[in-house]
């Protein structure tokens, strides 16, 4: 975003003072719509974010509100456009005591830090952020909640918990990726006069649902084989449902043929429960796959255009060894999920030895095991962890969450469709099947992952609407809504 600002100002001649004026006016308009009952306090830093806040204070005062602009640093520390707007607005440097000054506020504007902020907030900003979070008034953040890194959503120290964020020109990754996402509240993006056409190559953004239009459609000459064949290896005693859901999702997501490679002593379950899916009995284990199952697994994958490894695999040592051997030997593009990922705990580089393309679909715990870290560390640095895993594995990584991240180590696409209904067991198996289906239908791994993620989220929302409550949705409900989720 800073590069776009520089281009607009230096190359296109957009006056920076006018951009700040437009930003502050938009911020004031958003606060005015809240119809605050009581004084409005604007807490300002010393950079351009503080300057935006000063503009907002001026507009709100002109509209008849009681406004106090509170500076965390002395006015002499402000420079450039922020200093110019300080000269046009009454403001007070506040050295401590912010709690009492924010008492009985009708609204508080957070204008401390903007998109250039990184790391942890230091004093006096850290104490100010805590006071804002305690004040009880509606909080409107200027561009991004102070304390959030706009480039990746990381929060190292204190961060404002905004009710509304007014973002200028475009949303930032820090608005979309947790934990920063949880500090943004309602997100409102407003134009401020930056011209279109910035010569900036975007390598990160949100997933556009139009990606679903890339998947080839069936025509009069289509066959079940040309529509895409997918093989799924997994299943163990007590975990057969995972393979069943993944394979059914494959069919619902448009693949013409699905085969499951499962433990021989459990095959009858699949034969009886899913007439649309073929099954291959893989001998060797006691209620699980084992190294002796490898030949049968590879035969099942021979005709496949894409595959899934891991749903319901279990953590028996034999199954773990089988997963490692199969991943290296399967020649088709492969989605590795669940216990297929756990088989590579602390050994993620082994995945990079695969010759065919690979997609990994971990949640934070599984990614933590791959990288040898605690899941809390992954959750704190989601984008960095996903990128690292993609580079080390030579794969596309889909880090699941309400802010699911898709990355190949360079490009980043973030899901912005919130679907709380997906917070239930089995929906990850559904996603793995959908992803493999789109691979088999001809999409490249990055596009297939993006399309599957957005269709999965849309299916989750459709299921919640159809069932009547997100809390009542189960994974098979999501499968039933895949068709709705896949519509371009």
Protein backbone atom coordinates (compact mmCIF):
# COMPACT_ATOMS: atom_id res chain seq x y z
CA UNK A 1 0.00 0.00 0.00
CA UNK A 2 2.85 2.38 0.75
CA UNK A 3 4.23 1.74 -2.74
CA UNK A 4 0.85 2.71 -4.23
CA UNK A 5 0.81 5.87 -2.11
CA UNK A 6 4.27 6.82 -3.38
CA UNK A 7 3.24 6.17 -6.98
CA UNK A 8 0.10 8.27 -6.62
CA UNK A 9 2.00 11.18 -5.06
CA UNK A 10 5.32 11.08 -6.92
CA UNK A 11 4.32 9.75 -10.33
CA UNK A 12 0.69 10.83 -10.71
CA UNK A 13 0.95 14.12 -8.86
CA UNK A 14 -1.80 13.45 -6.33
CA UNK A 15 -1.23 16.00 -3.53
CA UNK A 16 -0.50 14.08 -0.33
CA UNK A 17 -2.31 16.72 1.74
CA UNK A 18 -5.45 16.16 -0.33
CA UNK A 19 -5.23 12.40 0.17
CA UNK A 20 -4.99 12.95 3.92
CA UNK A 21 -7.93 15.34 3.78
CA UNK A 22 -10.05 12.73 1.98
CA UNK A 23 -9.02 10.02 4.44
CA UNK A 24 -9.87 12.14 7.47
CA UNK A 25 -13.19 13.18 5.98
CA UNK A 26 -14.14 9.54 5.32
CA UNK A 27 -13.17 8.67 8.88
CA UNK A 28 -15.32 11.51 10.23
CA UNK A 29 -18.25 10.38 8.08
CA UNK A 30 -18.02 6.87 9.52
CA UNK A 31 -18.05 8.20 13.08
CA UNK A 32 -20.95 10.50 12.28
CA UNK A 33 -22.99 7.52 11.07
CA UNK A 34 -22.59 5.98 14.52
CA UNK A 35 -24.46 9.01 15.94
CA UNK A 36 -22.30 9.02 19.08
CA UNK A 37 -23.95 10.24 22.27
CA UNK A 38 -21.15 12.02 24.06
CA UNK A 39 -17.77 13.56 23.34
CA UNK A 40 -15.61 12.13 20.57
CA UNK A 41 -11.99 11.56 21.52
CA UNK A 42 -9.38 11.20 18.78
CA UNK A 43 -6.18 9.55 19.99
CA UNK A 44 -3.38 10.55 17.61
CA UNK A 45 0.10 9.27 16.91
CA UNK A 46 2.82 11.38 15.35
CA UNK A 47 2.73 9.98 11.82
CA UNK A 48 0.31 10.23 8.91
CA UNK A 49 -2.25 8.11 10.75
CA UNK A 50 -2.32 10.79 13.43
CA UNK A 51 -2.70 13.40 10.70
CA UNK A 52 -5.75 11.55 9.36
CA UNK A 53 -7.17 11.65 12.88
CA UNK A 54 -6.62 15.39 13.15
CA UNK A 55 -8.50 15.94 9.91
CA UNK A 56 -11.36 13.79 11.21
CA UNK A 57 -11.41 15.81 14.44
CA UNK A 58 -11.70 19.04 12.47
CA UNK A 59 -14.62 17.76 10.37
CA UNK A 60 -16.45 16.36 13.39
CA UNK A 61 -16.05 19.63 15.29
CA UNK A 62 -17.40 21.52 12.30
CA UNK A 63 -20.40 19.18 12.32
CA UNK A 64 -21.19 20.28 15.88
CA UNK A 65 -19.75 17.42 17.90
CA UNK A 66 -17.75 17.94 21.06
CA UNK A 67 -14.33 16.72 20.00
CA UNK A 68 -11.00 16.35 21.75
CA UNK A 69 -7.88 15.57 19.73
CA UNK A 70 -5.35 13.97 22.09
CA UNK A 71 -1.69 13.73 21.04
CA UNK A 72 0.45 10.94 22.49
CA UNK A 73 3.62 12.81 21.51
CA UNK A 74 4.38 16.55 21.66
CA UNK A 75 3.20 18.52 18.68
CA UNK A 76 6.77 19.34 17.68
CA UNK A 77 7.29 15.63 16.91
CA UNK A 78 4.75 15.79 14.10
CA UNK A 79 6.03 16.60 10.62
CA UNK A 80 4.90 16.91 7.03
CA UNK A 81 1.17 16.66 6.36
CA UNK A 82 0.43 15.68 9.97
CA UNK A 83 2.07 18.89 11.20
CA UNK A 84 0.16 20.90 8.60
CA UNK A 85 -3.12 19.52 9.92
CA UNK A 86 -2.11 20.09 13.52
CA UNK A 87 -1.90 23.78 12.65
CA UNK A 88 -5.53 23.63 11.50
CA UNK A 89 -6.93 21.80 14.51
CA UNK A 90 -6.94 22.25 18.25
CA UNK A 91 -5.13 19.38 19.92
CA UNK A 92 -3.67 18.61 23.32
CA UNK A 93 -0.58 16.63 24.17
CA UNK A 94 -1.56 14.16 26.84
CA UNK A 95 1.20 12.78 29.06
CA UNK A 96 -0.60 9.91 30.78
CA UNK A 97 -4.04 9.82 32.36
CA UNK A 98 -5.81 8.67 29.21
CA UNK A 99 -8.30 6.46 31.07
CA UNK A 100 -9.92 9.44 32.75
CA UNK A 101 -9.94 11.45 29.51
CA UNK A 102 -11.73 8.68 27.64
CA UNK A 103 -14.39 8.23 30.31
CA UNK A 104 -17.94 8.87 29.06
CA UNK A 105 -16.82 9.10 25.44
CA UNK A 106 -19.48 8.73 22.79
CA UNK A 107 -16.86 7.32 20.42
CA UNK A 108 -13.08 6.99 20.25
CA UNK A 109 -11.00 7.20 17.10
CA UNK A 110 -7.79 5.18 17.08
CA UNK A 111 -5.33 7.17 14.94
CA UNK A 112 -2.09 6.04 16.58
CA UNK A 113 -0.38 3.73 14.07
CA UNK A 114 -1.03 3.04 10.40
CA UNK A 115 0.08 0.59 7.74
CA UNK A 116 3.77 1.18 8.32
CA UNK A 117 3.68 -0.22 11.84
CA UNK A 118 5.59 -3.41 12.70
CA UNK A 119 6.59 -5.11 15.93
CA UNK A 120 5.17 -4.37 19.36
CA UNK A 121 3.80 -1.02 20.48
CA UNK A 122 5.99 0.82 22.96
CA UNK A 123 5.11 3.58 25.40
CA UNK A 124 3.25 5.83 25.33
CA UNK A 125 1.30 3.98 22.63
CA UNK A 126 1.05 0.67 24.51
CA UNK A 127 -0.67 2.27 27.51
CA UNK A 128 -2.93 4.28 25.19
CA UNK A 129 -4.03 1.12 23.38
CA UNK A 130 -4.89 -0.53 26.70
CA UNK A 131 -6.88 2.54 27.75
CA UNK A 132 -8.80 2.56 24.48
CA UNK A 133 -9.68 -1.11 24.93
CA UNK A 134 -10.93 -0.41 28.46
CA UNK A 135 -12.98 2.68 27.72
CA UNK A 136 -16.23 0.94 26.75
CA UNK A 137 -17.06 3.36 23.94
CA UNK A 138 -17.36 2.37 20.26
CA UNK A 139 -13.87 2.41 18.74
CA UNK A 140 -13.23 3.38 15.12
CA UNK A 141 -9.78 2.53 13.79
CA UNK A 142 -8.11 4.76 11.20
CA UNK A 143 -6.96 2.49 8.34
CA UNK A 144 -5.96 -0.37 10.64
CA UNK A 145 -6.23 -1.10 14.35
CA UNK A 146 -3.10 0.19 16.07
CA UNK A 147 -0.77 -2.65 17.03
CA UNK A 148 -1.65 -4.81 14.02
CA UNK A 149 0.94 -5.33 11.30
CA UNK A 150 -0.96 -4.45 8.12
CA UNK A 151 1.27 -6.63 5.95
CA UNK A 152 0.53 -9.93 7.67
CA UNK A 153 -2.00 -9.57 10.50
CA UNK A 154 0.53 -10.27 13.25
CA UNK A 155 0.07 -8.75 16.70
CA UNK A 156 3.22 -8.86 18.80
CA UNK A 157 2.04 -6.75 21.74
CA UNK A 158 -1.02 -4.67 22.54
CA UNK A 159 -3.52 -3.94 19.76
CA UNK A 160 -6.69 -1.91 19.63
CA UNK A 161 -9.91 -3.91 19.54
CA UNK A 162 -11.88 -1.86 17.04
CA UNK A 163 -15.60 -2.02 16.44
CA UNK A 164 -15.17 -0.49 13.00
CA UNK A 165 -12.13 -0.02 10.80
CA UNK A 166 -12.15 2.52 7.98
CA UNK A 167 -9.53 1.38 5.47
CA UNK A 168 -8.32 3.75 2.78
CA UNK A 169 -8.26 2.75 -0.90
CA UNK A 170 -8.06 -1.03 -0.30
CA UNK A 171 -8.21 -3.64 2.42
CA UNK A 172 -4.88 -4.84 3.76
CA UNK A 173 -3.79 -8.39 4.55
CA UNK A 174 -3.75 -7.41 8.22
CA UNK A 175 -7.52 -6.93 8.03
CA UNK A 176 -8.03 -10.41 6.63
CA UNK A 177 -5.53 -12.60 8.45
CA UNK A 178 -5.82 -13.54 12.12
CA UNK A 179 -5.04 -12.38 14.71
CA UNK A 180 -5.24 -8.94 13.08
CA UNK A 181 -8.60 -9.88 11.61
CA UNK A 182 -10.09 -10.20 15.10
CA UNK A 183 -9.03 -6.62 15.94
CA UNK A 184 -10.66 -5.00 12.90
CA UNK A 185 -14.34 -5.27 13.75
CA UNK A 186 -16.51 -4.27 10.81
CA UNK A 187 -14.31 -3.39 7.85
CA UNK A 188 -15.24 -0.49 5.58
CA UNK A 189 -13.05 0.36 2.57
CA UNK A 190 -13.33 3.92 1.23
CA UNK A 191 -11.74 5.69 -1.77
CA UNK A 192 -9.53 8.68 -1.04
CA UNK A 193 -8.58 9.77 -4.54
CA UNK A 194 -5.73 7.43 -5.40
CA UNK A 195 -6.00 6.96 -9.19
CA UNK A 196 -6.42 3.48 -10.67
CA UNK A 197 -3.70 1.72 -12.62
CA UNK A 198 -0.83 1.58 -10.15
CA UNK A 199 2.04 -0.35 -11.80
CA UNK A 200 2.41 -2.57 -8.77
CA UNK A 201 2.43 -6.33 -9.29
CA UNK A 202 0.12 -7.68 -6.61
CA UNK A 203 1.35 -10.98 -5.16
CA UNK A 204 -1.18 -11.08 -2.34
CA UNK A 205 -4.89 -10.46 -2.02
CA UNK A 206 -8.23 -12.08 -1.36
CA UNK A 207 -9.66 -14.98 -3.34
CA UNK A 208 -11.97 -13.80 -6.09
CA UNK A 209 -14.91 -16.22 -6.49
CA UNK A 210 -14.49 -15.85 -10.26
CA UNK A 211 -11.71 -18.45 -9.93
CA UNK A 212 -14.52 -21.02 -9.95
CA UNK A 213 -15.11 -20.15 -13.60
CA UNK A 214 -11.72 -21.63 -14.51
CA UNK A 215 -12.90 -25.19 -13.94
CA UNK A 216 -13.90 -26.89 -17.23
CA UNK A 217 -17.60 -27.72 -17.53
CA UNK A 218 -18.97 -31.02 -18.73
CA UNK A 219 -20.19 -31.11 -22.29
CA UNK A 220 -21.86 -33.55 -24.61
CA UNK A 221 -18.56 -35.32 -25.27
CA UNK A 222 -17.59 -35.67 -21.62
CA UNK A 223 -17.15 -39.08 -20.02
CA UNK A 224 -16.66 -40.11 -16.44
CA UNK A 225 -12.96 -40.47 -17.20
CA UNK A 226 -12.48 -37.16 -19.00
CA UNK A 227 -14.33 -35.43 -16.13
CA UNK A 228 -11.43 -36.29 -13.82
CA UNK A 229 -10.41 -39.38 -11.87
CA UNK A 230 -9.41 -39.10 -8.21
CA UNK A 231 -7.99 -41.71 -5.84
CA UNK A 232 -8.09 -41.38 -2.04
CA UNK A 233 -5.87 -43.41 0.31
CA UNK A 234 -6.70 -43.56 3.99
CA UNK A 235 -9.13 -44.96 6.48
CA UNK A 236 -8.58 -46.94 9.65
CA UNK A 237 -10.71 -48.54 12.31
CA UNK A 238 -12.85 -45.80 13.90
CA UNK A 239 -11.99 -43.29 11.16
CA UNK A 240 -13.69 -44.62 8.05
CA UNK A 241 -15.98 -41.60 7.84
CA UNK A 242 -13.12 -39.33 6.80
CA UNK A 243 -12.46 -41.26 3.58
CA UNK A 244 -16.16 -41.55 2.86
CA UNK A 245 -16.70 -37.80 3.17
CA UNK A 246 -13.60 -36.92 1.16
CA UNK A 247 -14.58 -39.27 -1.68
CA UNK A 248 -18.17 -38.06 -1.77
CA UNK A 249 -16.90 -34.47 -1.90
CA UNK A 250 -14.76 -35.47 -4.88
CA UNK A 251 -17.85 -36.55 -6.81
CA UNK A 252 -19.93 -33.56 -5.72
CA UNK A 253 -17.14 -31.19 -6.79
CA UNK A 254 -17.32 -32.43 -10.34
CA UNK A 255 -14.87 -35.31 -10.72
CA UNK A 256 -16.31 -38.16 -12.78
CA UNK A 257 -14.71 -41.09 -10.99
CA UNK A 258 -13.50 -41.68 -7.45
CA UNK A 259 -11.66 -44.65 -5.98
CA UNK A 260 -10.75 -45.24 -2.35
CA UNK A 261 -7.75 -47.34 -1.37
CA UNK A 262 -8.60 -48.62 2.10
CA UNK A 263 -7.61 -51.38 4.55
CA UNK A 264 -8.84 -54.74 3.25
CA UNK A 265 -10.55 -55.64 6.50
CA UNK A 266 -12.61 -52.43 6.35
CA UNK A 267 -13.51 -52.43 2.65
CA UNK A 268 -17.00 -53.81 3.21
CA UNK A 269 -17.93 -50.57 4.97
CA UNK A 270 -17.24 -48.62 1.80
CA UNK A 271 -18.85 -51.17 -0.49
CA UNK A 272 -22.07 -50.95 1.48
CA UNK A 273 -22.16 -47.22 2.17
CA UNK A 274 -21.14 -45.46 -1.05
CA UNK A 275 -22.34 -46.98 -4.31
CA UNK A 276 -20.94 -44.06 -6.35
CA UNK A 277 -17.34 -44.66 -5.21
CA UNK A 278 -15.10 -47.56 -6.24
CA UNK A 279 -12.99 -49.27 -3.60
CA UNK A 280 -9.69 -51.13 -3.59
CA UNK A 281 -8.93 -53.50 -0.71
CA UNK A 282 -5.35 -52.96 0.44
CA UNK A 283 -4.00 -55.89 2.50
CA UNK A 284 -1.30 -55.63 5.10
CA UNK A 285 -2.56 -53.90 8.25
CA UNK A 286 -4.91 -54.68 11.11
CA UNK A 287 -7.64 -52.09 10.57
CA UNK A 288 -5.22 -49.69 8.93
CA UNK A 289 -2.95 -49.31 5.95
CA UNK A 290 0.62 -50.53 6.31
CA UNK A 291 3.81 -50.77 4.24
CA UNK A 292 2.53 -54.06 2.78
CA UNK A 293 -0.42 -52.06 1.36
CA UNK A 294 1.81 -49.95 -0.87
CA UNK A 295 1.47 -51.93 -4.10
CA UNK A 296 -2.32 -51.94 -3.89
CA UNK A 297 -2.38 -48.23 -3.09
CA UNK A 298 -0.19 -47.39 -6.06
CA UNK A 299 -2.33 -49.49 -8.38
CA UNK A 300 -5.38 -47.52 -7.28
CA UNK A 301 -3.59 -44.27 -8.09
CA UNK A 302 -2.27 -45.30 -11.51
CA UNK A 303 -5.23 -44.00 -13.57
CA UNK A 304 -5.88 -41.00 -11.31
CA UNK A 305 -5.47 -37.42 -12.50
CA UNK A 306 -5.17 -36.36 -8.83
CA UNK A 307 -5.27 -37.94 -5.41
CA UNK A 308 -5.73 -37.45 -1.69
CA UNK A 309 -3.53 -39.03 0.96
CA UNK A 310 -4.39 -39.02 4.65
CA UNK A 311 -8.09 -38.84 5.54
CA UNK A 312 -8.72 -41.18 8.46
CA UNK A 313 -5.28 -42.77 7.99
CA UNK A 314 -4.58 -42.97 11.72
CA UNK A 315 -1.23 -42.84 13.49
CA UNK A 316 -0.31 -46.50 13.63
CA UNK A 317 3.45 -46.72 12.92
CA UNK A 318 2.75 -48.87 9.88
CA UNK A 319 0.29 -46.35 8.50
CA UNK A 320 2.81 -43.55 9.05
CA UNK A 321 5.46 -45.48 7.13
CA UNK A 322 2.99 -46.25 4.34
CA UNK A 323 2.12 -42.55 4.00
CA UNK A 324 5.77 -41.58 3.66
CA UNK A 325 6.46 -44.22 1.05
CA UNK A 326 3.24 -43.59 -0.90
CA UNK A 327 3.73 -39.83 -1.04
CA UNK A 328 7.06 -40.29 -2.73
CA UNK A 329 5.85 -42.96 -5.14
CA UNK A 330 2.47 -41.56 -6.25
CA UNK A 331 2.98 -39.92 -9.64
CA UNK A 332 -0.25 -37.93 -9.73
CA UNK A 333 -0.73 -34.43 -8.27
CA UNK A 334 -1.53 -35.04 -4.63
CA UNK A 335 -3.44 -33.40 -1.79
CA UNK A 336 -1.95 -34.40 1.57
CA UNK A 337 -4.25 -33.91 4.54
CA UNK A 338 -4.83 -34.95 8.16
CA UNK A 339 -2.68 -37.90 9.25
CA UNK A 340 -0.97 -37.83 5.88
CA UNK A 341 0.51 -34.54 7.07
CA UNK A 342 1.27 -35.88 10.54
CA UNK A 343 3.38 -38.60 8.92
CA UNK A 344 5.83 -35.85 7.95
CA UNK A 345 6.02 -34.18 11.36
CA UNK A 346 9.41 -32.53 11.60
CA UNK A 347 10.31 -33.89 8.14
CA UNK A 348 8.59 -31.46 5.81
CA UNK A 349 11.50 -31.37 3.35
CA UNK A 350 10.78 -35.00 2.41
CA UNK A 351 7.63 -33.77 0.67
CA UNK A 352 9.74 -31.60 -1.63
CA UNK A 353 11.25 -34.78 -3.11
CA UNK A 354 7.95 -35.55 -4.86
CA UNK A 355 8.14 -35.11 -8.63
CA UNK A 356 4.45 -34.30 -9.07
CA UNK A 357 2.66 -31.24 -7.73
CA UNK A 358 1.53 -31.22 -4.12
CA UNK A 359 -1.04 -29.37 -2.04
CA UNK A 360 -0.91 -29.48 1.77
CA UNK A 361 -4.10 -28.67 3.71
CA UNK A 362 -3.15 -28.32 7.39
CA UNK A 363 -4.84 -26.58 10.28
CA UNK A 364 -2.58 -24.75 12.74
CA UNK A 365 -1.86 -27.86 14.81
CA UNK A 366 -0.85 -29.94 11.80
CA UNK A 367 1.30 -27.16 10.40
CA UNK A 368 2.94 -26.80 13.80
CA UNK A 369 3.86 -30.49 13.75
CA UNK A 370 5.26 -30.19 10.23
CA UNK A 371 7.45 -27.25 11.24
CA UNK A 372 8.24 -28.51 14.75
CA UNK A 373 6.46 -25.66 16.52
CA UNK A 374 3.60 -25.13 18.91
CA UNK A 375 0.24 -24.43 17.30
CA UNK A 376 0.02 -21.13 19.22
CA UNK A 377 3.16 -19.95 17.44
CA UNK A 378 1.61 -20.85 14.10
CA UNK A 379 -1.60 -19.00 14.99
CA UNK A 380 0.37 -15.88 15.91
CA UNK A 381 2.26 -15.81 12.58
CA UNK A 382 -0.07 -17.56 10.17
CA UNK A 383 1.12 -16.02 6.93
CA UNK A 384 4.81 -16.41 7.70
CA UNK A 385 4.33 -20.04 8.76
CA UNK A 386 2.30 -20.92 5.67
CA UNK A 387 4.87 -19.32 3.37
CA UNK A 388 7.74 -21.09 5.09
CA UNK A 389 6.01 -24.45 4.81
CA UNK A 390 5.24 -23.90 1.13
CA UNK A 391 8.87 -23.09 0.36
CA UNK A 392 10.30 -25.96 2.38
CA UNK A 393 7.84 -28.51 0.99
CA UNK A 394 7.86 -27.21 -2.58
CA UNK A 395 4.07 -27.25 -2.37
CA UNK A 396 0.99 -25.11 -2.28
CA UNK A 397 -0.11 -24.76 1.34
CA UNK A 398 -3.72 -24.22 2.40
CA UNK A 399 -3.62 -23.11 6.06
CA UNK A 400 -7.18 -23.61 7.18
CA UNK A 401 -9.19 -21.22 9.33
CA UNK A 402 -11.86 -18.58 8.97
CA UNK A 403 -9.10 -16.69 7.16
CA UNK A 404 -7.82 -19.68 5.14
CA UNK A 405 -4.51 -18.79 3.47
CA UNK A 406 -3.39 -20.25 0.15
CA UNK A 407 0.26 -19.74 -0.76
CA UNK A 408 2.96 -21.24 -2.93
CA UNK A 409 5.60 -19.41 -0.92
CA UNK A 410 5.36 -16.26 -3.04
CA UNK A 411 1.75 -15.68 -4.09
CA UNK A 412 -0.82 -15.36 -1.31
CA UNK A 413 -4.60 -15.57 -1.52
CA UNK A 414 -6.81 -15.20 1.56
CA UNK A 415 -10.40 -16.32 1.95
CA UNK A 416 -12.64 -13.44 3.04
CA UNK A 417 -15.90 -15.43 3.23
CA UNK A 418 -16.63 -16.13 6.87
CA UNK A 419 -18.34 -19.49 7.38
CA UNK A 420 -18.61 -20.42 11.08
CA UNK A 421 -20.61 -23.52 10.10
CA UNK A 422 -17.35 -25.13 8.95
CA UNK A 423 -16.12 -25.33 12.56
CA UNK A 424 -17.17 -28.97 12.87
CA UNK A 425 -15.49 -32.35 12.41
CA UNK A 426 -15.13 -33.65 8.89
CA UNK A 427 -15.22 -30.41 6.94
CA UNK A 428 -11.48 -30.61 6.37
CA UNK A 429 -11.97 -34.00 4.70
CA UNK A 430 -14.59 -32.36 2.50
CA UNK A 431 -12.12 -29.64 1.51
CA UNK A 432 -9.42 -32.16 0.60
CA UNK A 433 -11.82 -33.97 -1.71
CA UNK A 434 -13.00 -30.77 -3.36
CA UNK A 435 -9.41 -29.67 -3.93
CA UNK A 436 -8.44 -32.97 -5.54
CA UNK A 437 -11.53 -32.86 -7.77
CA UNK A 438 -10.55 -29.45 -9.10
CA UNK A 439 -6.99 -30.65 -9.67
CA UNK A 440 -8.35 -33.62 -11.63
CA UNK A 441 -10.56 -31.31 -13.66
CA UNK A 442 -7.48 -29.50 -14.90
CA UNK A 443 -6.81 -26.52 -12.64
CA UNK A 444 -3.25 -25.81 -11.59
CA UNK A 445 -2.56 -26.40 -7.87
CA UNK A 446 -2.76 -22.76 -6.78
CA UNK A 447 -5.98 -22.13 -8.68
CA UNK A 448 -7.47 -25.46 -7.57
CA UNK A 449 -6.73 -24.66 -3.94
CA UNK A 450 -8.21 -21.16 -4.22
CA UNK A 451 -11.32 -22.42 -5.99
CA UNK A 452 -11.84 -25.21 -3.46
CA UNK A 453 -11.43 -22.86 -0.50
CA UNK A 454 -13.95 -20.31 -1.74
CA UNK A 455 -16.44 -22.99 -2.83
CA UNK A 456 -16.04 -24.73 0.54
CA UNK A 457 -16.75 -21.50 2.43
CA UNK A 458 -19.76 -20.73 0.27
CA UNK A 459 -21.04 -24.28 0.77
CA UNK A 460 -20.69 -23.84 4.52
CA UNK A 461 -22.76 -20.68 4.43
CA UNK A 462 -25.37 -22.27 2.20
CA UNK A 463 -25.62 -25.25 4.55
CA UNK A 464 -26.13 -22.98 7.56
CA UNK A 465 -28.88 -21.10 5.78
CA UNK A 466 -30.56 -24.31 4.66
CA UNK A 467 -30.30 -26.04 8.04
CA UNK A 468 -31.20 -22.91 9.97
CA UNK A 469 -28.19 -22.51 12.27
CA UNK A 470 -24.43 -22.71 11.84
CA UNK A 471 -24.19 -24.72 15.04
CA UNK A 472 -26.40 -27.48 13.60
CA UNK A 473 -24.42 -28.02 10.40
CA UNK A 474 -22.51 -31.29 10.02
CA UNK A 475 -19.94 -32.14 7.37
CA UNK A 476 -22.38 -34.06 5.18
CA UNK A 477 -24.58 -30.97 5.10
CA UNK A 478 -21.64 -29.12 3.58
CA UNK A 479 -21.25 -31.87 0.97
CA UNK A 480 -24.92 -31.44 0.08
CA UNK A 481 -24.24 -27.72 -0.48
CA UNK A 482 -21.15 -28.15 -2.68
CA UNK A 483 -23.17 -27.56 -5.83
CA UNK A 484 -24.30 -24.19 -4.48
CA UNK A 485 -20.76 -23.35 -3.43
CA UNK A 486 -19.30 -24.22 -6.83
CA UNK A 487 -21.50 -21.90 -8.87
CA UNK A 488 -19.29 -19.25 -10.55
